[in-house]
């Protein structure tokens, strides 16, 4: 191992963060495979970057793993059919964030017939790996949805020496990655060592919160495997604190390096991969089956039978909840994702995308919003911010619609983790206002571009 690369015995100190209740109710329950639903609706925008365009038409018969959407854009990833059946509709639907996206509805024939063209990829070098990763449709499965082939394509001017496997899973309730480690350890191990060899990296750190002792035990067997002759793969037990799963926070905790403002992990010499992404990659290299299914946590006090469920991409939230026994009572709040960074949705008619990792349904008691009051200038939001921002200053600029002040307060460096809102004793909707500020900036940018084009 390079003498300049060391493994920390404990996490490096990071700024801010909050201690949220874990509520990992489904951590010790075996995941259940859901039978194919009668139909799936697959959005053409399931990743950061350019949305895909449908490459099938109404009436086409499709098979599992067949490409149904693609794009010529570099920052994009193809989308595959998750069931076999017939294309019934291609139309605009509402996404979780309220935007309108193209979507393909496929009526399942129940056969789950695999596409005949599926074969394992031949990977001899990095170029082969990048082509295979793009063809697989893999995006970040931790929630961000960044196309994996872009992440793994290290720019020639960047010196990357460390791969960090993210098993933090710091949001309350969500246990999908936890179960991935326990139920799919072969794929996790194979994916870790395949990436290590192909990328030529000498330091792999698997970061996992210490509230998952069984996962840590399983991961240690992976790190201590005889294939790791030079002890270049190790586990780092992180304290159970939110938001350790955020890339920039995890990099700081594992390496003591800081990603520069506006920069990427590669600027700090790191690549960060979610553990489910790594496991999927190993399975794809073995079978050639693209990303067509997802393990998600279904939980919340309004759900009858909380559990982790493996579902075809495009399955409706309603069908999944019915598979879990339905509702105990009519939910007051429904969230796709975790309670800290997930998107609250109006009903259960939405559909699971690649990057979704949870569905949470809460009763009126659990969903009750505390009344917002005036800021008391306590500074707790500043102490809690992992990015060392001043949320109150940003929000003042947003209220005034002062775009220059927003930029001066580094609003774009906010990762919207919600620590400020959680820590605020006045129950200020800080992260909500910051999101509004980013939208104001985006609208202003579009306006300026329109004016420039008009000239």
Protein backbone atom coordinates (compact mmCIF):
# COMPACT_ATOMS: atom_id res chain seq x y z
CA UNK A 1 0.00 0.00 0.00
CA UNK A 2 1.14 3.58 -0.71
CA UNK A 3 2.79 4.87 2.43
CA UNK A 4 0.99 8.19 2.00
CA UNK A 5 -2.39 6.47 2.28
CA UNK A 6 -3.46 5.62 5.80
CA UNK A 7 -6.63 4.10 7.22
CA UNK A 8 -8.26 5.99 10.10
CA UNK A 9 -8.84 4.03 13.30
CA UNK A 10 -11.88 6.19 14.00
CA UNK A 11 -13.82 8.76 11.95
CA UNK A 12 -12.33 12.19 11.53
CA UNK A 13 -14.30 14.99 13.10
CA UNK A 14 -16.98 16.56 10.94
CA UNK A 15 -18.91 19.77 11.49
CA UNK A 16 -22.54 19.91 12.52
CA UNK A 17 -25.08 17.16 12.15
CA UNK A 18 -27.94 16.12 14.41
CA UNK A 19 -28.96 13.01 16.33
CA UNK A 20 -32.22 11.82 14.84
CA UNK A 21 -34.24 8.84 16.15
CA UNK A 22 -33.17 5.70 14.30
CA UNK A 23 -36.49 3.82 14.14
CA UNK A 24 -34.92 1.02 12.08
CA UNK A 25 -38.00 -1.16 12.52
CA UNK A 26 -37.33 -3.39 9.51
CA UNK A 27 -33.60 -3.98 10.04
CA UNK A 28 -33.95 -7.61 11.13
CA UNK A 29 -36.67 -8.75 8.72
CA UNK A 30 -35.81 -10.64 5.53
CA UNK A 31 -36.71 -8.71 2.37
CA UNK A 32 -39.75 -9.94 0.48
CA UNK A 33 -39.97 -10.18 -3.32
CA UNK A 34 -43.20 -8.65 -4.61
CA UNK A 35 -44.89 -10.46 -7.52
CA UNK A 36 -45.10 -8.42 -10.73
CA UNK A 37 -48.02 -5.97 -10.62
CA UNK A 38 -50.67 -5.87 -13.33
CA UNK A 39 -48.90 -2.87 -14.85
CA UNK A 40 -45.91 -0.60 -14.32
CA UNK A 41 -45.43 3.02 -15.27
CA UNK A 42 -41.78 3.82 -15.87
CA UNK A 43 -40.71 7.49 -15.88
CA UNK A 44 -38.16 8.57 -18.49
CA UNK A 45 -36.41 10.81 -15.96
CA UNK A 46 -34.90 8.69 -13.18
CA UNK A 47 -31.51 10.33 -12.83
CA UNK A 48 -29.65 13.61 -12.65
CA UNK A 49 -29.08 14.84 -16.20
CA UNK A 50 -30.93 14.64 -19.50
CA UNK A 51 -34.18 12.65 -19.47
CA UNK A 52 -34.54 9.69 -21.81
CA UNK A 53 -36.78 9.56 -24.85
CA UNK A 54 -39.05 6.55 -25.45
CA UNK A 55 -37.66 4.09 -28.02
CA UNK A 56 -40.81 1.95 -28.05
CA UNK A 57 -44.34 2.77 -29.14
CA UNK A 58 -47.83 1.90 -27.96
CA UNK A 59 -48.66 -1.71 -28.84
CA UNK A 60 -45.07 -2.98 -28.73
CA UNK A 61 -44.44 -6.22 -26.85
CA UNK A 62 -41.46 -5.85 -24.52
CA UNK A 63 -39.43 -8.12 -22.25
CA UNK A 64 -37.63 -7.68 -18.93
CA UNK A 65 -34.34 -5.86 -19.47
CA UNK A 66 -35.23 -4.45 -22.90
CA UNK A 67 -34.31 -0.79 -23.43
CA UNK A 68 -37.45 1.36 -23.59
CA UNK A 69 -35.84 4.80 -23.15
CA UNK A 70 -32.45 6.31 -23.93
CA UNK A 71 -30.65 9.57 -24.62
CA UNK A 72 -27.61 10.74 -26.60
CA UNK A 73 -26.59 12.97 -23.68
CA UNK A 74 -23.49 11.96 -21.72
CA UNK A 75 -25.07 12.68 -18.32
CA UNK A 76 -27.95 10.25 -18.68
CA UNK A 77 -28.63 6.52 -18.34
CA UNK A 78 -30.83 4.17 -20.38
CA UNK A 79 -34.08 2.86 -18.92
CA UNK A 80 -35.23 -0.74 -19.28
CA UNK A 81 -38.54 -2.55 -18.99
CA UNK A 82 -39.00 -4.13 -15.57
CA UNK A 83 -41.75 -6.54 -16.68
CA UNK A 84 -42.70 -8.40 -19.83
CA UNK A 85 -45.89 -7.31 -21.52
CA UNK A 86 -47.40 -4.74 -23.86
CA UNK A 87 -46.84 -0.97 -24.01
CA UNK A 88 -50.24 0.56 -23.30
CA UNK A 89 -49.54 4.29 -22.89
CA UNK A 90 -46.82 6.88 -23.36
CA UNK A 91 -47.80 10.11 -21.63
CA UNK A 92 -46.75 12.87 -19.26
CA UNK A 93 -47.10 12.14 -15.54
CA UNK A 94 -46.31 14.10 -12.39
CA UNK A 95 -43.02 13.19 -10.70
CA UNK A 96 -42.46 13.31 -6.93
CA UNK A 97 -41.10 16.86 -7.19
CA UNK A 98 -44.19 18.03 -9.08
CA UNK A 99 -42.54 18.27 -12.50
CA UNK A 100 -44.05 16.66 -15.59
CA UNK A 101 -42.08 13.81 -17.17
CA UNK A 102 -42.65 11.33 -19.98
CA UNK A 103 -43.56 7.84 -18.79
CA UNK A 104 -44.25 4.48 -20.40
CA UNK A 105 -47.02 2.27 -19.03
CA UNK A 106 -46.58 -1.47 -19.65
CA UNK A 107 -49.35 -3.99 -19.02
CA UNK A 108 -47.67 -7.05 -17.54
CA UNK A 109 -48.31 -10.52 -18.94
CA UNK A 110 -47.16 -12.01 -15.64
CA UNK A 111 -44.45 -14.10 -17.30
CA UNK A 112 -41.43 -11.88 -16.45
CA UNK A 113 -39.89 -13.09 -19.71
CA UNK A 114 -36.26 -11.98 -20.08
CA UNK A 115 -35.08 -10.10 -23.15
CA UNK A 116 -33.22 -12.41 -25.53
CA UNK A 117 -30.35 -9.97 -26.10
CA UNK A 118 -29.17 -10.04 -22.47
CA UNK A 119 -25.62 -11.35 -22.03
CA UNK A 120 -22.95 -10.67 -19.38
CA UNK A 121 -20.60 -7.84 -20.42
CA UNK A 122 -16.96 -8.53 -21.27
CA UNK A 123 -14.84 -6.24 -19.10
CA UNK A 124 -11.08 -6.13 -19.50
CA UNK A 125 -10.30 -2.52 -18.69
CA UNK A 126 -11.79 0.78 -17.51
CA UNK A 127 -13.21 1.63 -20.94
CA UNK A 128 -15.13 -1.66 -20.97
CA UNK A 129 -16.35 -1.01 -17.44
CA UNK A 130 -17.70 2.44 -18.29
CA UNK A 131 -19.54 1.12 -21.35
CA UNK A 132 -21.02 -1.71 -19.31
CA UNK A 133 -22.09 0.54 -16.44
CA UNK A 134 -23.88 2.88 -18.83
CA UNK A 135 -25.56 -0.03 -20.62
CA UNK A 136 -26.76 -1.38 -17.26
CA UNK A 137 -28.69 1.82 -16.54
CA UNK A 138 -27.01 2.13 -13.14
CA UNK A 139 -27.46 5.40 -11.29
CA UNK A 140 -26.68 6.26 -7.67
CA UNK A 141 -29.03 4.08 -5.65
CA UNK A 142 -28.57 6.01 -2.42
CA UNK A 143 -31.11 8.60 -3.53
CA UNK A 144 -29.24 11.12 -5.72
CA UNK A 145 -29.57 9.19 -8.99
CA UNK A 146 -26.31 10.41 -10.55
CA UNK A 147 -25.38 8.26 -13.60
CA UNK A 148 -22.71 5.83 -12.38
CA UNK A 149 -20.68 5.74 -15.60
CA UNK A 150 -20.10 9.49 -15.25
CA UNK A 151 -19.00 9.12 -11.62
CA UNK A 152 -16.56 6.33 -12.47
CA UNK A 153 -15.05 8.19 -15.44
CA UNK A 154 -12.29 9.98 -13.56
CA UNK A 155 -11.12 13.14 -15.40
CA UNK A 156 -7.44 12.95 -16.44
CA UNK A 157 -6.61 16.03 -14.36
CA UNK A 158 -7.94 14.43 -11.14
CA UNK A 159 -5.84 12.16 -8.94
CA UNK A 160 -8.22 9.72 -7.28
CA UNK A 161 -6.73 7.24 -4.81
CA UNK A 162 -9.65 6.27 -2.55
CA UNK A 163 -12.95 4.45 -3.05
CA UNK A 164 -15.49 4.94 -0.27
CA UNK A 165 -18.40 2.49 -0.03
CA UNK A 166 -21.37 4.25 1.57
CA UNK A 167 -23.29 2.03 4.00
CA UNK A 168 -24.09 4.86 6.43
CA UNK A 169 -27.87 4.85 5.78
CA UNK A 170 -28.30 7.59 8.36
CA UNK A 171 -31.95 8.54 7.70
CA UNK A 172 -34.55 7.24 10.18
CA UNK A 173 -36.62 4.18 9.16
CA UNK A 174 -34.65 3.25 6.01
CA UNK A 175 -32.94 -0.17 6.19
CA UNK A 176 -32.69 -1.19 2.51
CA UNK A 177 -28.88 -0.91 2.41
CA UNK A 178 -28.61 -2.72 5.74
CA UNK A 179 -30.53 -5.65 4.29
CA UNK A 180 -28.48 -5.48 1.07
CA UNK A 181 -25.35 -6.21 3.08
CA UNK A 182 -26.92 -9.08 5.05
CA UNK A 183 -28.78 -10.71 2.17
CA UNK A 184 -26.42 -10.06 -0.72
CA UNK A 185 -22.94 -10.10 0.77
CA UNK A 186 -21.47 -12.06 -2.17
CA UNK A 187 -22.41 -9.28 -4.58
CA UNK A 188 -21.16 -6.58 -2.22
CA UNK A 189 -17.79 -8.30 -1.91
CA UNK A 190 -17.52 -9.02 -5.64
CA UNK A 191 -18.43 -5.46 -6.55
CA UNK A 192 -15.94 -3.95 -4.11
CA UNK A 193 -13.00 -6.01 -5.38
CA UNK A 194 -13.97 -5.65 -9.05
CA UNK A 195 -13.98 -1.85 -8.75
CA UNK A 196 -10.74 -1.93 -6.75
CA UNK A 197 -8.96 -3.91 -9.46
CA UNK A 198 -10.34 -2.13 -12.51
CA UNK A 199 -9.90 1.36 -11.08
CA UNK A 200 -6.48 0.47 -9.70
CA UNK A 201 -7.16 1.96 -6.28
CA UNK A 202 -5.15 1.09 -3.19
CA UNK A 203 -7.49 2.32 -0.47
CA UNK A 204 -11.10 1.22 -0.09
CA UNK A 205 -12.97 2.37 3.00
CA UNK A 206 -16.38 0.91 3.78
CA UNK A 207 -18.16 3.45 6.00
CA UNK A 208 -21.04 2.10 8.07
CA UNK A 209 -22.84 3.57 11.10
CA UNK A 210 -22.24 1.73 14.38
CA UNK A 211 -25.97 1.13 14.92
CA UNK A 212 -25.68 -1.81 12.48
CA UNK A 213 -23.46 -4.30 14.35
CA UNK A 214 -24.62 -7.29 12.27
CA UNK A 215 -23.82 -5.43 9.04
CA UNK A 216 -20.40 -4.45 10.42
CA UNK A 217 -19.69 -8.09 11.24
CA UNK A 218 -20.66 -9.18 7.73
CA UNK A 219 -18.64 -6.39 6.13
CA UNK A 220 -15.56 -7.32 8.15
CA UNK A 221 -15.60 -10.77 6.55
CA UNK A 222 -15.56 -9.00 3.19
CA UNK A 223 -12.72 -6.68 4.17
CA UNK A 224 -10.70 -9.57 5.66
CA UNK A 225 -11.13 -11.82 2.61
CA UNK A 226 -8.01 -13.59 1.38
CA UNK A 227 -8.30 -11.86 -2.00
CA UNK A 228 -7.27 -8.62 -0.25
CA UNK A 229 -3.61 -9.64 0.04
CA UNK A 230 -2.30 -6.18 0.92
CA UNK A 231 -5.03 -5.18 3.38
CA UNK A 232 -6.32 -2.36 1.17
CA UNK A 233 -10.01 -2.79 2.06
CA UNK A 234 -11.11 -1.86 5.56
CA UNK A 235 -14.23 -1.04 7.58
CA UNK A 236 -14.72 2.29 9.32
CA UNK A 237 -17.45 2.27 11.96
CA UNK A 238 -19.09 5.69 12.00
CA UNK A 239 -20.98 7.14 14.92
CA UNK A 240 -24.73 7.05 14.36
CA UNK A 241 -25.29 10.68 13.47
CA UNK A 242 -27.12 12.37 10.62
CA UNK A 243 -26.07 13.14 7.82
CA UNK A 244 -23.04 10.82 7.65
CA UNK A 245 -24.43 9.38 4.42
CA UNK A 246 -23.92 12.66 2.56
CA UNK A 247 -20.94 12.41 0.20
CA UNK A 248 -19.03 15.42 1.46
CA UNK A 249 -19.56 14.52 5.11
CA UNK A 250 -18.55 10.91 4.50
CA UNK A 251 -15.38 11.95 2.67
CA UNK A 252 -14.39 14.20 5.56
CA UNK A 253 -15.10 11.46 8.12
CA UNK A 254 -13.14 8.81 6.20
CA UNK A 255 -10.17 10.77 4.84
CA UNK A 256 -10.11 14.19 6.59
CA UNK A 257 -10.28 15.75 3.12
CA UNK A 258 -12.65 18.56 2.24
CA UNK A 259 -14.49 18.75 -1.08
CA UNK A 260 -14.07 22.35 -2.27
CA UNK A 261 -17.17 24.52 -2.58
CA UNK A 262 -18.87 23.68 -5.83
CA UNK A 263 -16.52 20.74 -6.32
CA UNK A 264 -16.97 17.00 -6.71
CA UNK A 265 -15.59 14.05 -4.68
CA UNK A 266 -12.88 13.59 -7.33
CA UNK A 267 -11.55 17.03 -6.35
CA UNK A 268 -10.75 15.44 -2.98
CA UNK A 269 -9.26 12.33 -4.56
CA UNK A 270 -12.28 10.13 -3.83
CA UNK A 271 -15.07 8.18 -5.46
CA UNK A 272 -18.12 7.44 -3.31
CA UNK A 273 -20.39 4.52 -4.24
CA UNK A 274 -23.54 3.40 -2.47
CA UNK A 275 -23.37 -0.23 -1.32
CA UNK A 276 -26.47 -1.20 -3.32
CA UNK A 277 -24.88 0.27 -6.46
CA UNK A 278 -21.73 -1.81 -5.88
CA UNK A 279 -23.77 -4.99 -5.31
CA UNK A 280 -25.86 -4.38 -8.44
CA UNK A 281 -22.73 -3.86 -10.50
CA UNK A 282 -21.38 -7.27 -9.45
CA UNK A 283 -24.66 -8.96 -10.38
CA UNK A 284 -24.74 -7.17 -13.74
CA UNK A 285 -21.19 -8.30 -14.54
CA UNK A 286 -22.28 -11.89 -13.82
CA UNK A 287 -25.71 -11.95 -15.53
CA UNK A 288 -26.02 -8.93 -17.84
CA UNK A 289 -29.45 -8.13 -16.39
CA UNK A 290 -29.82 -4.33 -16.22
CA UNK A 291 -31.32 -2.27 -13.39
CA UNK A 292 -35.00 -3.25 -13.37
CA UNK A 293 -35.78 -3.82 -9.68
CA UNK A 294 -35.27 -2.01 -6.40
CA UNK A 295 -35.24 -2.88 -2.70
CA UNK A 296 -37.22 -0.29 -0.74
CA UNK A 297 -38.23 0.14 2.88
CA UNK A 298 -41.98 0.50 3.50
CA UNK A 299 -42.61 1.83 7.00
CA UNK A 300 -44.34 4.43 9.14
CA UNK A 301 -47.03 4.14 11.80
CA UNK A 302 -49.81 4.14 9.16
CA UNK A 303 -48.49 0.96 7.47
CA UNK A 304 -49.92 -2.39 8.61
CA UNK A 305 -46.91 -4.57 7.84
CA UNK A 306 -43.65 -2.57 7.59
CA UNK A 307 -41.00 -4.45 5.61
CA UNK A 308 -38.33 -4.25 2.93
CA UNK A 309 -39.74 -5.16 -0.46
CA UNK A 310 -37.97 -5.90 -3.74
CA UNK A 311 -40.17 -4.46 -6.51
CA UNK A 312 -40.01 -3.92 -10.28
CA UNK A 313 -39.10 -0.34 -11.19
CA UNK A 314 -42.31 1.48 -12.12
CA UNK A 315 -44.53 -0.27 -9.57
CA UNK A 316 -47.08 2.13 -8.09
CA UNK A 317 -46.81 3.20 -4.46
CA UNK A 318 -50.43 2.09 -4.03
CA UNK A 319 -49.67 -1.47 -5.19
CA UNK A 320 -46.66 -1.72 -2.88
CA UNK A 321 -48.60 -0.51 0.15
CA UNK A 322 -51.41 -2.97 -0.61
CA UNK A 323 -48.79 -5.73 -0.78
CA UNK A 324 -47.69 -4.65 2.72
CA UNK A 325 -51.22 -5.08 4.07
CA UNK A 326 -52.48 -1.60 3.29
CA UNK A 327 -52.95 1.25 5.75
CA UNK A 328 -53.78 0.97 9.43
CA UNK A 329 -55.47 4.33 9.00
CA UNK A 330 -55.65 6.99 6.33
CA UNK A 331 -52.17 8.58 6.26
CA UNK A 332 -51.78 12.26 6.92
CA UNK A 333 -48.39 12.35 5.22
CA UNK A 334 -46.82 10.13 2.56
CA UNK A 335 -43.09 10.45 1.85
CA UNK A 336 -41.00 8.94 -0.93
CA UNK A 337 -37.58 8.64 0.70
CA UNK A 338 -36.57 9.39 4.26
CA UNK A 339 -38.20 11.88 6.63
CA UNK A 340 -35.22 14.25 6.43
CA UNK A 341 -34.63 14.53 2.66
CA UNK A 342 -37.53 12.65 1.09
CA UNK A 343 -40.28 14.22 -1.00
CA UNK A 344 -43.73 14.55 0.53
CA UNK A 345 -46.33 13.50 -2.05
CA UNK A 346 -50.05 14.18 -2.24
CA UNK A 347 -51.22 10.59 -2.84
CA UNK A 348 -50.05 7.05 -3.60
CA UNK A 349 -50.51 7.19 -7.36
CA UNK A 350 -46.79 7.80 -8.03
CA UNK A 351 -44.36 5.14 -9.23
CA UNK A 352 -41.06 3.77 -7.96
CA UNK A 353 -37.94 4.99 -9.77
CA UNK A 354 -34.40 3.59 -9.64
CA UNK A 355 -33.21 6.00 -6.95
CA UNK A 356 -36.18 5.57 -4.57
CA UNK A 357 -35.25 3.75 -1.37
CA UNK A 358 -38.30 4.14 0.89
CA UNK A 359 -42.03 4.78 1.17
CA UNK A 360 -43.12 6.15 4.53
CA UNK A 361 -46.73 6.70 5.60
CA UNK A 362 -47.53 8.59 8.80
CA UNK A 363 -50.67 9.12 10.84
CA UNK A 364 -51.95 12.56 11.78
CA UNK A 365 -50.22 12.24 15.17
CA UNK A 366 -46.79 11.52 13.67
CA UNK A 367 -47.17 14.00 10.80
CA UNK A 368 -48.24 16.94 12.93
CA UNK A 369 -46.27 20.07 12.09
CA UNK A 370 -45.13 22.22 14.97
CA UNK A 371 -46.13 25.85 14.76
CA UNK A 372 -43.45 28.14 13.35
CA UNK A 373 -42.40 31.13 15.47
CA UNK A 374 -39.93 33.98 15.23
CA UNK A 375 -36.20 33.31 15.06
CA UNK A 376 -34.62 33.66 18.53
CA UNK A 377 -31.06 34.12 17.19
CA UNK A 378 -29.77 31.06 19.05
CA UNK A 379 -27.42 29.92 16.30
CA UNK A 380 -28.33 26.24 16.55
CA UNK A 381 -28.92 26.04 12.81
CA UNK A 382 -25.37 27.25 12.22
CA UNK A 383 -23.96 24.68 14.65
CA UNK A 384 -25.97 21.91 12.96
CA UNK A 385 -25.06 22.74 9.35
CA UNK A 386 -22.51 20.22 8.00
CA UNK A 387 -21.46 22.73 5.32
CA UNK A 388 -20.75 25.54 7.83
CA UNK A 389 -23.39 27.79 6.31
CA UNK A 390 -25.59 30.38 8.02
CA UNK A 391 -29.14 29.26 7.18
CA UNK A 392 -30.81 32.32 8.73
CA UNK A 393 -28.72 34.67 6.54
CA UNK A 394 -29.61 32.65 3.46
CA UNK A 395 -33.31 32.75 4.35
CA UNK A 396 -33.22 36.50 4.88
CA UNK A 397 -31.81 36.87 1.37
CA UNK A 398 -34.51 34.54 0.01
CA UNK A 399 -37.27 36.53 1.72
CA UNK A 400 -35.88 39.68 0.09
CA UNK A 401 -35.47 37.85 -3.26
CA UNK A 402 -31.91 39.20 -3.23
CA UNK A 403 -30.09 36.84 -5.58
CA UNK A 404 -26.71 38.46 -5.02
CA UNK A 405 -27.02 38.05 -1.24
CA UNK A 406 -28.08 34.43 -1.74
CA UNK A 407 -24.92 33.72 -3.71
CA UNK A 408 -22.77 35.57 -1.18
CA UNK A 409 -24.27 33.35 1.54
CA UNK A 410 -23.28 30.26 -0.54
CA UNK A 411 -26.82 28.99 -0.96
CA UNK A 412 -25.75 26.58 -3.71
CA UNK A 413 -23.47 24.77 -1.28
CA UNK A 414 -26.49 23.73 0.79
CA UNK A 415 -27.21 20.03 0.33
CA UNK A 416 -30.73 20.37 1.78
CA UNK A 417 -30.11 17.78 4.50
CA UNK A 418 -32.62 19.44 6.85
CA UNK A 419 -30.30 19.60 9.88
CA UNK A 420 -31.01 23.32 10.31
CA UNK A 421 -34.78 22.84 10.40
CA UNK A 422 -34.47 19.85 12.74
CA UNK A 423 -32.27 21.76 15.19
CA UNK A 424 -34.34 24.97 15.18
CA UNK A 425 -36.26 25.46 18.46
CA UNK A 426 -38.51 27.99 16.71
CA UNK A 427 -39.52 25.36 14.12
CA UNK A 428 -38.48 27.62 11.25
CA UNK A 429 -38.92 26.12 7.78
CA UNK A 430 -35.33 26.87 6.90
CA UNK A 431 -34.55 24.17 4.35
CA UNK A 432 -37.88 24.81 2.60
CA UNK A 433 -36.97 28.49 2.19
CA UNK A 434 -33.51 27.57 0.90
CA UNK A 435 -35.09 25.34 -1.75
CA UNK A 436 -37.30 28.26 -2.77
CA UNK A 437 -34.19 30.42 -3.01
CA UNK A 438 -32.52 27.95 -5.35
CA UNK A 439 -35.63 28.01 -7.52
CA UNK A 440 -35.52 31.82 -7.60
CA UNK A 441 -31.89 31.64 -8.75
CA UNK A 442 -32.77 29.07 -11.39
CA UNK A 443 -35.63 31.20 -12.72
CA UNK A 444 -33.39 34.25 -12.81
CA UNK A 445 -30.74 32.31 -14.74
CA UNK A 446 -33.35 31.24 -17.30
CA UNK A 447 -34.58 34.83 -17.58
CA UNK A 448 -31.07 36.12 -18.23
CA UNK A 449 -30.51 33.46 -20.88
CA UNK A 450 -33.78 34.40 -22.59
CA UNK A 451 -32.80 38.08 -22.60
CA UNK A 452 -29.39 37.21 -24.01
CA UNK A 453 -30.89 35.10 -26.78
CA UNK A 454 -33.36 37.90 -27.54
CA UNK A 455 -30.53 40.30 -28.23
